[in-house]
PDB file of N, CA and C in Angstrom:
ATOM      1  N   UNK A   1     110.667  40.004 172.444  1.00  0.00           N
ATOM      2  CA  UNK A   1     109.708  40.039 171.377  1.00  0.00           C
ATOM      3  C   UNK A   1     108.679  41.124 171.682  1.00  0.00           C
ATOM      4  N   UNK A   2     108.491  42.064 170.786  1.00  0.00           N
ATOM      5  CA  UNK A   2     107.462  43.085 170.996  1.00  0.00           C
ATOM      6  C   UNK A   2     106.083  42.428 171.130  1.00  0.00           C
ATOM      7  N   UNK A   3     105.352  42.822 172.165  1.00  0.00           N
ATOM      8  CA  UNK A   3     104.044  42.232 172.464  1.00  0.00           C
ATOM      9  C   UNK A   3     103.041  43.353 172.667  1.00  0.00           C
ATOM     10  N   UNK A   4     101.920  43.269 171.942  1.00  0.00           N
ATOM     11  CA  UNK A   4     100.890  44.293 171.987  1.00  0.00           C
ATOM     12  C   UNK A   4      99.604  43.689 172.524  1.00  0.00           C
ATOM     13  N   UNK A   5      99.037  44.302 173.555  1.00  0.00           N
ATOM     14  CA  UNK A   5      97.721  43.920 174.053  1.00  0.00           C
ATOM     15  C   UNK A   5      96.694  44.738 173.282  1.00  0.00           C
ATOM     16  N   UNK A   6      95.698  44.063 172.726  1.00  0.00           N
ATOM     17  CA  UNK A   6      94.705  44.708 171.877  1.00  0.00           C
ATOM     18  C   UNK A   6      93.341  44.589 172.541  1.00  0.00           C
ATOM     19  N   UNK A   7      92.677  45.726 172.726  1.00  0.00           N
ATOM     20  CA  UNK A   7      91.352  45.740 173.330  1.00  0.00           C
ATOM     21  C   UNK A   7      90.358  46.298 172.327  1.00  0.00           C
ATOM     22  N   UNK A   8      89.093  45.987 172.548  1.00  0.00           N
ATOM     23  CA  UNK A   8      88.057  46.499 171.668  1.00  0.00           C
ATOM     24  C   UNK A   8      86.720  45.888 171.998  1.00  0.00           C
ATOM     25  N   UNK A   9      85.662  46.412 171.394  1.00  0.00           N
ATOM     26  CA  UNK A   9      84.304  46.011 171.748  1.00  0.00           C
ATOM     27  C   UNK A   9      83.900  44.616 171.292  1.00  0.00           C
ATOM     28  N   UNK A  10      84.582  44.063 170.293  1.00  0.00           N
ATOM     29  CA  UNK A  10      84.212  42.738 169.795  1.00  0.00           C
ATOM     30  C   UNK A  10      85.445  42.014 169.281  1.00  0.00           C
ATOM     31  N   UNK A  11      85.313  40.695 169.139  1.00  0.00           N
ATOM     32  CA  UNK A  11      86.419  39.898 168.601  1.00  0.00           C
ATOM     33  C   UNK A  11      86.754  40.365 167.188  1.00  0.00           C
ATOM     34  N   UNK A  12      85.734  40.680 166.398  1.00  0.00           N
ATOM     35  CA  UNK A  12      85.957  41.128 165.026  1.00  0.00           C
ATOM     36  C   UNK A  12      86.713  42.464 164.989  1.00  0.00           C
ATOM     37  N   UNK A  13      86.375  43.375 165.884  1.00  0.00           N
ATOM     38  CA  UNK A  13      87.056  44.672 165.936  1.00  0.00           C
ATOM     39  C   UNK A  13      88.521  44.504 166.337  1.00  0.00           C
ATOM     40  N   UNK A  14      88.764  43.652 167.313  1.00  0.00           N
ATOM     41  CA  UNK A  14      90.150  43.408 167.742  1.00  0.00           C
ATOM     42  C   UNK A  14      90.950  42.750 166.619  1.00  0.00           C
ATOM     43  N   UNK A  15      90.343  41.798 165.949  1.00  0.00           N
ATOM     44  CA  UNK A  15      91.015  41.104 164.853  1.00  0.00           C
ATOM     45  C   UNK A  15      91.324  42.071 163.709  1.00  0.00           C
ATOM     46  N   UNK A  16      90.385  42.947 163.387  1.00  0.00           N
ATOM     47  CA  UNK A  16      90.607  43.938 162.330  1.00  0.00           C
ATOM     48  C   UNK A  16      91.731  44.900 162.710  1.00  0.00           C
ATOM     49  N   UNK A  17      91.788  45.311 163.971  1.00  0.00           N
ATOM     50  CA  UNK A  17      92.852  46.211 164.425  1.00  0.00           C
ATOM     51  C   UNK A  17      94.217  45.539 164.318  1.00  0.00           C
ATOM     52  N   UNK A  18      94.273  44.260 164.652  1.00  0.00           N
ATOM     53  CA  UNK A  18      95.535  43.523 164.539  1.00  0.00           C
ATOM     54  C   UNK A  18      95.933  43.401 163.070  1.00  0.00           C
ATOM     55  N   UNK A  19      94.983  43.065 162.206  1.00  0.00           N
ATOM     56  CA  UNK A  19      95.272  42.947 160.773  1.00  0.00           C
ATOM     57  C   UNK A  19      95.812  44.263 160.231  1.00  0.00           C
ATOM     58  N   UNK A  20      95.207  45.369 160.638  1.00  0.00           N
ATOM     59  CA  UNK A  20      95.656  46.683 160.193  1.00  0.00           C
ATOM     60  C   UNK A  20      97.084  46.959 160.693  1.00  0.00           C
ATOM     61  N   UNK A  21      97.357  46.618 161.942  1.00  0.00           N
ATOM     62  CA  UNK A  21      98.697  46.845 162.509  1.00  0.00           C
ATOM     63  C   UNK A  21      99.751  45.992 161.802  1.00  0.00           C
ATOM     64  N   UNK A  22      99.386  44.779 161.452  1.00  0.00           N
ATOM     65  CA  UNK A  22     100.330  43.890 160.752  1.00  0.00           C
ATOM     66  C   UNK A  22     100.642  44.441 159.369  1.00  0.00           C
ATOM     67  N   UNK A  23      99.638  45.000 158.691  1.00  0.00           N
ATOM     68  CA  UNK A  23      99.794  45.485 157.323  1.00  0.00           C
ATOM     69  C   UNK A  23     100.303  46.920 157.240  1.00  0.00           C
ATOM     70  N   UNK A  24     100.378  47.627 158.371  1.00  0.00           N
ATOM     71  CA  UNK A  24     100.800  49.024 158.404  1.00  0.00           C
ATOM     72  C   UNK A  24     102.217  49.161 157.837  1.00  0.00           C
ATOM     73  N   UNK A  25     102.400  49.949 156.769  1.00  0.00           N
ATOM     74  CA  UNK A  25     103.726  50.083 156.168  1.00  0.00           C
ATOM     75  C   UNK A  25     104.754  50.749 157.080  1.00  0.00           C
ATOM     76  N   UNK A  26     104.287  51.495 158.097  1.00  0.00           N
ATOM     77  CA  UNK A  26     105.235  52.136 159.007  1.00  0.00           C
ATOM     78  C   UNK A  26     105.752  51.172 160.075  1.00  0.00           C
ATOM     79  N   UNK A  27     105.121  49.998 160.179  1.00  0.00           N
ATOM     80  CA  UNK A  27     105.564  48.995 161.136  1.00  0.00           C
ATOM     81  C   UNK A  27     106.620  48.123 160.474  1.00  0.00           C
ATOM     82  N   UNK A  28     107.748  47.918 161.137  1.00  0.00           N
ATOM     83  CA  UNK A  28     108.785  47.084 160.535  1.00  0.00           C
ATOM     84  C   UNK A  28     108.254  45.684 160.232  1.00  0.00           C
ATOM     85  N   UNK A  29     108.587  45.187 159.063  1.00  0.00           N
ATOM     86  CA  UNK A  29     108.202  43.823 158.685  1.00  0.00           C
ATOM     87  C   UNK A  29     109.013  42.837 159.509  1.00  0.00           C
ATOM     88  N   UNK A  30     108.404  41.733 159.817  1.00  0.00           N
ATOM     89  CA  UNK A  30     109.104  40.734 160.613  1.00  0.00           C
ATOM     90  C   UNK A  30     108.915  39.364 159.987  1.00  0.00           C
ATOM     91  N   UNK A  31     109.701  38.427 160.446  1.00  0.00           N
ATOM     92  CA  UNK A  31     109.650  37.086 159.891  1.00  0.00           C
ATOM     93  C   UNK A  31     108.384  36.338 160.250  1.00  0.00           C
ATOM     94  N   UNK A  32     107.809  36.639 161.369  1.00  0.00           N
ATOM     95  CA  UNK A  32     106.610  35.927 161.771  1.00  0.00           C
ATOM     96  C   UNK A  32     105.864  36.675 162.857  1.00  0.00           C
ATOM     97  N   UNK A  33     104.568  36.515 162.848  1.00  0.00           N
ATOM     98  CA  UNK A  33     103.714  37.170 163.827  1.00  0.00           C
ATOM     99  C   UNK A  33     102.834  36.100 164.456  1.00  0.00           C
ATOM    100  N   UNK A  34     102.690  36.169 165.766  1.00  0.00           N
ATOM    101  CA  UNK A  34     101.776  35.274 166.483  1.00  0.00           C
ATOM    102  C   UNK A  34     100.652  36.124 167.054  1.00  0.00           C
ATOM    103  N   UNK A  35      99.444  35.553 167.029  1.00  0.00           N
ATOM    104  CA  UNK A  35      98.268  36.260 167.521  1.00  0.00           C
ATOM    105  C   UNK A  35      97.486  35.327 168.424  1.00  0.00           C
ATOM    106  N   UNK A  36      97.165  35.812 169.615  1.00  0.00           N
ATOM    107  CA  UNK A  36      96.250  35.106 170.509  1.00  0.00           C
ATOM    108  C   UNK A  36      94.999  35.951 170.582  1.00  0.00           C
ATOM    109  N   UNK A  37      93.873  35.373 170.185  1.00  0.00           N
ATOM    110  CA  UNK A  37      92.607  36.096 170.191  1.00  0.00           C
ATOM    111  C   UNK A  37      91.677  35.492 171.225  1.00  0.00           C
ATOM    112  N   UNK A  38      91.256  36.310 172.163  1.00  0.00           N
ATOM    113  CA  UNK A  38      90.255  35.870 173.139  1.00  0.00           C
ATOM    114  C   UNK A  38      88.888  36.121 172.520  1.00  0.00           C
ATOM    115  N   UNK A  39      88.104  35.096 172.438  1.00  0.00           N
ATOM    116  CA  UNK A  39      86.787  35.208 171.820  1.00  0.00           C
ATOM    117  C   UNK A  39      86.771  34.478 170.499  1.00  0.00           C
ATOM    118  N   UNK A  40      85.627  33.976 170.168  1.00  0.00           N
ATOM    119  CA  UNK A  40      85.484  33.194 168.953  1.00  0.00           C
ATOM    120  C   UNK A  40      85.190  34.099 167.767  1.00  0.00           C
ATOM    121  N   UNK A  41      85.588  33.660 166.596  1.00  0.00           N
ATOM    122  CA  UNK A  41      85.334  34.412 165.381  1.00  0.00           C
ATOM    123  C   UNK A  41      83.842  34.492 165.123  1.00  0.00           C
ATOM    124  N   UNK A  42      83.436  35.543 164.429  1.00  0.00           N
ATOM    125  CA  UNK A  42      82.024  35.682 164.070  1.00  0.00           C
ATOM    126  C   UNK A  42      81.680  34.881 162.819  1.00  0.00           C
ATOM    127  N   UNK A  43      82.603  34.063 162.369  1.00  0.00           N
ATOM    128  CA  UNK A  43      82.391  33.262 161.170  1.00  0.00           C
ATOM    129  C   UNK A  43      83.037  33.861 159.935  1.00  0.00           C
ATOM    130  N   UNK A  44      83.500  35.085 160.047  1.00  0.00           N
ATOM    131  CA  UNK A  44      84.171  35.779 158.938  1.00  0.00           C
ATOM    132  C   UNK A  44      85.521  36.297 159.415  1.00  0.00           C
ATOM    133  N   UNK A  45      86.457  35.405 159.715  1.00  0.00           N
ATOM    134  CA  UNK A  45      87.732  35.868 160.270  1.00  0.00           C
ATOM    135  C   UNK A  45      88.504  36.741 159.283  1.00  0.00           C
ATOM    136  N   UNK A  46      89.120  37.768 159.820  1.00  0.00           N
ATOM    137  CA  UNK A  46      89.942  38.676 159.025  1.00  0.00           C
ATOM    138  C   UNK A  46      91.330  38.078 158.847  1.00  0.00           C
ATOM    139  N   UNK A  47      91.829  37.445 159.894  1.00  0.00           N
ATOM    140  CA  UNK A  47      93.168  36.856 159.878  1.00  0.00           C
ATOM    141  C   UNK A  47      93.089  35.367 159.574  1.00  0.00           C
ATOM    142  N   UNK A  48      94.040  34.892 158.791  1.00  0.00           N
ATOM    143  CA  UNK A  48      94.104  33.472 158.441  1.00  0.00           C
ATOM    144  C   UNK A  48      95.499  32.953 158.777  1.00  0.00           C
ATOM    145  N   UNK A  49      95.551  31.748 159.361  1.00  0.00           N
ATOM    146  CA  UNK A  49      96.838  31.103 159.623  1.00  0.00           C
ATOM    147  C   UNK A  49      97.637  31.000 158.330  1.00  0.00           C
ATOM    148  N   UNK A  50      98.927  31.202 158.452  1.00  0.00           N
ATOM    149  CA  UNK A  50      99.826  31.021 157.309  1.00  0.00           C
ATOM    150  C   UNK A  50     101.206  30.691 157.857  1.00  0.00           C
ATOM    151  N   UNK A  51     102.146  30.558 156.965  1.00  0.00           N
ATOM    152  CA  UNK A  51     103.519  30.265 157.382  1.00  0.00           C
ATOM    153  C   UNK A  51     104.093  31.389 158.241  1.00  0.00           C
ATOM    154  N   UNK A  52     103.681  32.619 157.968  1.00  0.00           N
ATOM    155  CA  UNK A  52     104.207  33.785 158.690  1.00  0.00           C
ATOM    156  C   UNK A  52     103.256  34.332 159.742  1.00  0.00           C
ATOM    157  N   UNK A  53     102.055  33.746 159.872  1.00  0.00           N
ATOM    158  CA  UNK A  53     101.065  34.229 160.827  1.00  0.00           C
ATOM    159  C   UNK A  53     100.463  33.052 161.590  1.00  0.00           C
ATOM    160  N   UNK A  54     100.779  32.980 162.878  1.00  0.00           N
ATOM    161  CA  UNK A  54     100.266  31.919 163.743  1.00  0.00           C
ATOM    162  C   UNK A  54      99.120  32.481 164.569  1.00  0.00           C
ATOM    163  N   UNK A  55      97.961  31.863 164.476  1.00  0.00           N
ATOM    164  CA  UNK A  55      96.784  32.356 165.173  1.00  0.00           C
ATOM    165  C   UNK A  55      96.256  31.294 166.119  1.00  0.00           C
ATOM    166  N   UNK A  56      96.007  31.703 167.355  1.00  0.00           N
ATOM    167  CA  UNK A  56      95.378  30.830 168.354  1.00  0.00           C
ATOM    168  C   UNK A  56      94.180  31.565 168.920  1.00  0.00           C
ATOM    169  N   UNK A  57      93.079  30.857 169.053  1.00  0.00           N
ATOM    170  CA  UNK A  57      91.863  31.437 169.628  1.00  0.00           C
ATOM    171  C   UNK A  57      91.581  30.779 170.969  1.00  0.00           C
ATOM    172  N   UNK A  58      91.200  31.613 171.933  1.00  0.00           N
ATOM    173  CA  UNK A  58      90.866  31.146 173.278  1.00  0.00           C
ATOM    174  C   UNK A  58      89.425  31.566 173.549  1.00  0.00           C
ATOM    175  N   UNK A  59      88.642  30.657 174.118  1.00  0.00           N
ATOM    176  CA  UNK A  59      87.262  30.983 174.463  1.00  0.00           C
ATOM    177  C   UNK A  59      87.242  32.180 175.402  1.00  0.00           C
ATOM    178  N   UNK A  60      86.196  33.003 175.317  1.00  0.00           N
ATOM    179  CA  UNK A  60      86.119  34.185 176.170  1.00  0.00           C
ATOM    180  C   UNK A  60      86.149  33.833 177.651  1.00  0.00           C
ATOM    181  N   UNK A  61      86.813  34.653 178.410  1.00  0.00           N
ATOM    182  CA  UNK A  61      86.961  34.498 179.858  1.00  0.00           C
ATOM    183  C   UNK A  61      88.197  35.272 180.263  1.00  0.00           C
ATOM    184  N   UNK A  62      88.295  35.631 181.481  1.00  0.00           N
ATOM    185  CA  UNK A  62      89.416  36.445 181.937  1.00  0.00           C
ATOM    186  C   UNK A  62      90.736  35.681 181.772  1.00  0.00           C
ATOM    187  N   UNK A  63      91.642  36.223 180.977  1.00  0.00           N
ATOM    188  CA  UNK A  63      92.905  35.545 180.691  1.00  0.00           C
ATOM    189  C   UNK A  63      93.841  35.492 181.887  1.00  0.00           C
ATOM    190  N   UNK A  64      93.660  36.384 182.854  1.00  0.00           N
ATOM    191  CA  UNK A  64      94.552  36.358 184.016  1.00  0.00           C
ATOM    192  C   UNK A  64      93.932  35.606 185.188  1.00  0.00           C
ATOM    193  N   UNK A  65      92.646  35.294 185.115  1.00  0.00           N
ATOM    194  CA  UNK A  65      91.969  34.590 186.218  1.00  0.00           C
ATOM    195  C   UNK A  65      91.575  33.190 185.762  1.00  0.00           C
ATOM    196  N   UNK A  66      90.354  33.037 185.331  1.00  0.00           N
ATOM    197  CA  UNK A  66      89.823  31.727 184.936  1.00  0.00           C
ATOM    198  C   UNK A  66      90.574  31.140 183.747  1.00  0.00           C
ATOM    199  N   UNK A  67      91.029  31.980 182.833  1.00  0.00           N
ATOM    200  CA  UNK A  67      91.707  31.492 181.641  1.00  0.00           C
ATOM    201  C   UNK A  67      93.212  31.431 181.748  1.00  0.00           C
ATOM    202  N   UNK A  68      93.746  31.567 182.938  1.00  0.00           N
ATOM    203  CA  UNK A  68      95.196  31.627 183.118  1.00  0.00           C
ATOM    204  C   UNK A  68      95.906  30.398 182.572  1.00  0.00           C
ATOM    205  N   UNK A  69      95.439  29.212 182.879  1.00  0.00           N
ATOM    206  CA  UNK A  69      96.105  27.990 182.422  1.00  0.00           C
ATOM    207  C   UNK A  69      96.041  27.884 180.906  1.00  0.00           C
ATOM    208  N   UNK A  70      94.888  28.144 180.332  1.00  0.00           N
ATOM    209  CA  UNK A  70      94.746  28.082 178.871  1.00  0.00           C
ATOM    210  C   UNK A  70      95.657  29.122 178.216  1.00  0.00           C
ATOM    211  N   UNK A  71      95.689  30.308 178.773  1.00  0.00           N
ATOM    212  CA  UNK A  71      96.540  31.365 178.233  1.00  0.00           C
ATOM    213  C   UNK A  71      98.010  30.968 178.314  1.00  0.00           C
ATOM    214  N   UNK A  72      98.414  30.437 179.439  1.00  0.00           N
ATOM    215  CA  UNK A  72      99.816  30.038 179.637  1.00  0.00           C
ATOM    216  C   UNK A  72     100.221  28.956 178.632  1.00  0.00           C
ATOM    217  N   UNK A  73      99.386  27.940 178.469  1.00  0.00           N
ATOM    218  CA  UNK A  73      99.686  26.845 177.533  1.00  0.00           C
ATOM    219  C   UNK A  73      99.742  27.378 176.103  1.00  0.00           C
ATOM    220  N   UNK A  74      98.772  28.199 175.732  1.00  0.00           N
ATOM    221  CA  UNK A  74      98.727  28.761 174.380  1.00  0.00           C
ATOM    222  C   UNK A  74      99.945  29.637 174.116  1.00  0.00           C
ATOM    223  N   UNK A  75     100.269  30.488 175.063  1.00  0.00           N
ATOM    224  CA  UNK A  75     101.419  31.374 174.909  1.00  0.00           C
ATOM    225  C   UNK A  75     102.712  30.570 174.793  1.00  0.00           C
ATOM    226  N   UNK A  76     102.894  29.578 175.644  1.00  0.00           N
ATOM    227  CA  UNK A  76     104.109  28.766 175.586  1.00  0.00           C
ATOM    228  C   UNK A  76     104.237  28.048 174.245  1.00  0.00           C
ATOM    229  N   UNK A  77     103.119  27.541 173.743  1.00  0.00           N
ATOM    230  CA  UNK A  77     103.134  26.841 172.455  1.00  0.00           C
ATOM    231  C   UNK A  77     103.541  27.796 171.333  1.00  0.00           C
ATOM    232  N   UNK A  78     103.016  29.014 171.348  1.00  0.00           N
ATOM    233  CA  UNK A  78     103.371  29.985 170.311  1.00  0.00           C
ATOM    234  C   UNK A  78     104.825  30.449 170.431  1.00  0.00           C
ATOM    235  N   UNK A  79     105.292  30.619 171.666  1.00  0.00           N
ATOM    236  CA  UNK A  79     106.674  31.076 171.858  1.00  0.00           C
ATOM    237  C   UNK A  79     107.696  30.066 171.336  1.00  0.00           C
ATOM    238  N   UNK A  80     107.348  28.796 171.359  1.00  0.00           N
ATOM    239  CA  UNK A  80     108.253  27.772 170.808  1.00  0.00           C
ATOM    240  C   UNK A  80     108.466  27.954 169.304  1.00  0.00           C
ATOM    241  N   UNK A  81     107.526  28.621 168.639  1.00  0.00           N
ATOM    242  CA  UNK A  81     107.647  28.881 167.199  1.00  0.00           C
ATOM    243  C   UNK A  81     108.547  30.080 166.903  1.00  0.00           C
ATOM    244  N   UNK A  82     108.927  30.823 167.943  1.00  0.00           N
ATOM    245  CA  UNK A  82     109.817  31.982 167.849  1.00  0.00           C
ATOM    246  C   UNK A  82     109.340  33.070 166.882  1.00  0.00           C
ATOM    247  N   UNK A  83     108.124  33.545 167.071  1.00  0.00           N
ATOM    248  CA  UNK A  83     107.677  34.644 166.204  1.00  0.00           C
ATOM    249  C   UNK A  83     108.435  35.924 166.539  1.00  0.00           C
ATOM    250  N   UNK A  84     108.438  36.847 165.603  1.00  0.00           N
ATOM    251  CA  UNK A  84     109.128  38.119 165.816  1.00  0.00           C
ATOM    252  C   UNK A  84     108.270  39.099 166.607  1.00  0.00           C
ATOM    253  N   UNK A  85     106.931  38.981 166.474  1.00  0.00           N
ATOM    254  CA  UNK A  85     106.007  39.863 167.199  1.00  0.00           C
ATOM    255  C   UNK A  85     104.824  39.042 167.704  1.00  0.00           C
ATOM    256  N   UNK A  86     104.170  39.581 168.737  1.00  0.00           N
ATOM    257  CA  UNK A  86     103.009  38.913 169.330  1.00  0.00           C
ATOM    258  C   UNK A  86     101.923  39.941 169.601  1.00  0.00           C
ATOM    259  N   UNK A  87     100.705  39.598 169.203  1.00  0.00           N
ATOM    260  CA  UNK A  87      99.525  40.395 169.519  1.00  0.00           C
ATOM    261  C   UNK A  87      98.602  39.535 170.361  1.00  0.00           C
ATOM    262  N   UNK A  88      98.044  40.108 171.426  1.00  0.00           N
ATOM    263  CA  UNK A  88      97.092  39.403 172.275  1.00  0.00           C
ATOM    264  C   UNK A  88      95.812  40.224 172.316  1.00  0.00           C
ATOM    265  N   UNK A  89      94.749  39.703 171.701  1.00  0.00           N
ATOM    266  CA  UNK A  89      93.450  40.361 171.685  1.00  0.00           C
ATOM    267  C   UNK A  89      92.681  39.996 172.940  1.00  0.00           C
ATOM    268  N   UNK A  90      92.366  40.984 173.760  1.00  0.00           N
ATOM    269  CA  UNK A  90      91.729  40.782 175.059  1.00  0.00           C
ATOM    270  C   UNK A  90      90.279  41.265 175.004  1.00  0.00           C
ATOM    271  N   UNK A  91      89.343  40.403 175.428  1.00  0.00           N
ATOM    272  CA  UNK A  91      87.913  40.721 175.340  1.00  0.00           C
ATOM    273  C   UNK A  91      87.490  41.816 176.313  1.00  0.00           C
ATOM    274  N   UNK A  92      87.995  41.775 177.526  1.00  0.00           N
ATOM    275  CA  UNK A  92      87.597  42.763 178.532  1.00  0.00           C
ATOM    276  C   UNK A  92      88.851  43.402 179.129  1.00  0.00           C
ATOM    277  N   UNK A  93      88.794  44.698 179.298  1.00  0.00           N
ATOM    278  CA  UNK A  93      89.974  45.396 179.803  1.00  0.00           C
ATOM    279  C   UNK A  93      89.972  45.555 181.321  1.00  0.00           C
ATOM    280  N   UNK A  94      89.015  44.938 182.011  1.00  0.00           N
ATOM    281  CA  UNK A  94      88.914  45.094 183.466  1.00  0.00           C
ATOM    282  C   UNK A  94      90.179  44.650 184.192  1.00  0.00           C
ATOM    283  N   UNK A  95      90.799  43.581 183.744  1.00  0.00           N
ATOM    284  CA  UNK A  95      91.997  43.062 184.404  1.00  0.00           C
ATOM    285  C   UNK A  95      93.241  43.230 183.538  1.00  0.00           C
ATOM    286  N   UNK A  96      93.230  44.233 182.679  1.00  0.00           N
ATOM    287  CA  UNK A  96      94.353  44.456 181.778  1.00  0.00           C
ATOM    288  C   UNK A  96      95.656  44.694 182.537  1.00  0.00           C
ATOM    289  N   UNK A  97      95.595  45.442 183.633  1.00  0.00           N
ATOM    290  CA  UNK A  97      96.798  45.687 184.428  1.00  0.00           C
ATOM    291  C   UNK A  97      97.336  44.392 185.030  1.00  0.00           C
ATOM    292  N   UNK A  98      96.449  43.508 185.470  1.00  0.00           N
ATOM    293  CA  UNK A  98      96.889  42.224 186.022  1.00  0.00           C
ATOM    294  C   UNK A  98      97.517  41.357 184.939  1.00  0.00           C
ATOM    295  N   UNK A  99      96.918  41.352 183.748  1.00  0.00           N
ATOM    296  CA  UNK A  99      97.476  40.587 182.639  1.00  0.00           C
ATOM    297  C   UNK A  99      98.850  41.132 182.269  1.00  0.00           C
ATOM    298  N   UNK A 100      98.963  42.445 182.205  1.00  0.00           N
ATOM    299  CA  UNK A 100     100.248  43.077 181.892  1.00  0.00           C
ATOM    300  C   UNK A 100     101.291  42.708 182.944  1.00  0.00           C
ATOM    301  N   UNK A 101     100.904  42.703 184.212  1.00  0.00           N
ATOM    302  CA  UNK A 101     101.815  42.330 185.294  1.00  0.00           C
ATOM    303  C   UNK A 101     102.245  40.873 185.154  1.00  0.00           C
ATOM    304  N   UNK A 102     101.301  39.993 184.850  1.00  0.00           N
ATOM    305  CA  UNK A 102     101.597  38.569 184.673  1.00  0.00           C
ATOM    306  C   UNK A 102     102.569  38.352 183.516  1.00  0.00           C
ATOM    307  N   UNK A 103     102.365  39.075 182.402  1.00  0.00           N
ATOM    308  CA  UNK A 103     103.248  38.943 181.243  1.00  0.00           C
ATOM    309  C   UNK A 103     104.620  39.571 181.498  1.00  0.00           C
ATOM    310  N   UNK A 104     104.711  40.426 182.508  1.00  0.00           N
ATOM    311  CA  UNK A 104     105.981  41.076 182.856  1.00  0.00           C
ATOM    312  C   UNK A 104     106.743  40.320 183.928  1.00  0.00           C
ATOM    313  N   UNK A 105     106.182  39.206 184.397  1.00  0.00           N
ATOM    314  CA  UNK A 105     106.813  38.384 185.436  1.00  0.00           C
ATOM    315  C   UNK A 105     107.543  37.208 184.792  1.00  0.00           C
ATOM    316  N   UNK A 106     108.423  36.591 185.573  1.00  0.00           N
ATOM    317  CA  UNK A 106     109.161  35.420 185.099  1.00  0.00           C
ATOM    318  C   UNK A 106     108.190  34.315 184.711  1.00  0.00           C
ATOM    319  N   UNK A 107     108.470  33.566 183.696  1.00  0.00           N
ATOM    320  CA  UNK A 107     109.603  33.621 182.771  1.00  0.00           C
ATOM    321  C   UNK A 107     109.391  34.573 181.598  1.00  0.00           C
ATOM    322  N   UNK A 108     108.188  35.136 181.489  1.00  0.00           N
ATOM    323  CA  UNK A 108     107.859  35.943 180.315  1.00  0.00           C
ATOM    324  C   UNK A 108     108.604  37.268 180.267  1.00  0.00           C
ATOM    325  N   UNK A 109     109.074  37.765 181.397  1.00  0.00           N
ATOM    326  CA  UNK A 109     109.801  39.032 181.415  1.00  0.00           C
ATOM    327  C   UNK A 109     111.076  38.968 180.579  1.00  0.00           C
ATOM    328  N   UNK A 110     111.630  37.774 180.402  1.00  0.00           N
ATOM    329  CA  UNK A 110     112.839  37.591 179.597  1.00  0.00           C
ATOM    330  C   UNK A 110     112.528  37.402 178.112  1.00  0.00           C
ATOM    331  N   UNK A 111     111.255  37.166 177.793  1.00  0.00           N
ATOM    332  CA  UNK A 111     110.870  36.838 176.418  1.00  0.00           C
ATOM    333  C   UNK A 111     110.032  37.914 175.728  1.00  0.00           C
ATOM    334  N   UNK A 112     109.252  38.649 176.519  1.00  0.00           N
ATOM    335  CA  UNK A 112     108.298  39.596 175.955  1.00  0.00           C
ATOM    336  C   UNK A 112     108.656  41.032 176.324  1.00  0.00           C
ATOM    337  N   UNK A 113     108.455  41.932 175.397  1.00  0.00           N
ATOM    338  CA  UNK A 113     108.616  43.368 175.645  1.00  0.00           C
ATOM    339  C   UNK A 113     107.274  44.011 175.358  1.00  0.00           C
ATOM    340  N   UNK A 114     106.521  44.325 176.415  1.00  0.00           N
ATOM    341  CA  UNK A 114     105.194  44.912 176.236  1.00  0.00           C
ATOM    342  C   UNK A 114     105.313  46.309 175.644  1.00  0.00           C
ATOM    343  N   UNK A 115     104.548  46.556 174.613  1.00  0.00           N
ATOM    344  CA  UNK A 115     104.525  47.841 173.946  1.00  0.00           C
ATOM    345  C   UNK A 115     103.191  48.517 174.271  1.00  0.00           C
ATOM    346  N   UNK A 116     102.989  49.748 173.868  1.00  0.00           N
ATOM    347  CA  UNK A 116     101.702  50.398 174.146  1.00  0.00           C
ATOM    348  C   UNK A 116     100.529  49.586 173.589  1.00  0.00           C
ATOM    349  N   UNK A 117      99.438  49.610 174.327  1.00  0.00           N
ATOM    350  CA  UNK A 117      98.233  48.865 173.932  1.00  0.00           C
ATOM    351  C   UNK A 117      97.659  49.445 172.644  1.00  0.00           C
ATOM    352  N   UNK A 118      96.931  48.594 171.949  1.00  0.00           N
ATOM    353  CA  UNK A 118      96.225  48.983 170.730  1.00  0.00           C
ATOM    354  C   UNK A 118      94.739  48.882 171.025  1.00  0.00           C
ATOM    355  N   UNK A 119      94.014  49.972 170.833  1.00  0.00           N
ATOM    356  CA  UNK A 119      92.569  49.997 171.101  1.00  0.00           C
ATOM    357  C   UNK A 119      91.843  50.044 169.758  1.00  0.00           C
ATOM    358  N   UNK A 120      90.937  49.085 169.575  1.00  0.00           N
ATOM    359  CA  UNK A 120      90.203  49.047 168.297  1.00  0.00           C
ATOM    360  C   UNK A 120      88.921  49.836 168.396  1.00  0.00           C
TER     361      UNK A 120
END
């Protein structure tokens, strides 16, 4: 499953970048998209859950360190839905390489294909 790590200055910026990528006509349409957003919405979410769009929000914190268990549970729950693409909005890029390494390790190495990052 193509997986994109999305970075940016705010949750709203990351969410807008993901929405733009989903709607981009040059991007192949897929049956379903899953989104994990680190950080809470500002009250005006751009993305809305639907039959074809699964959205999970995780409280801010390092997804590869303190938030590892929450991230793992959230990711596993979304993968059971078998989306065609996955976007992960990351609040801080300090440990992006560690997160990428974790997502490239078993069992996720058999399920996810990391694509170039998206910067909002």
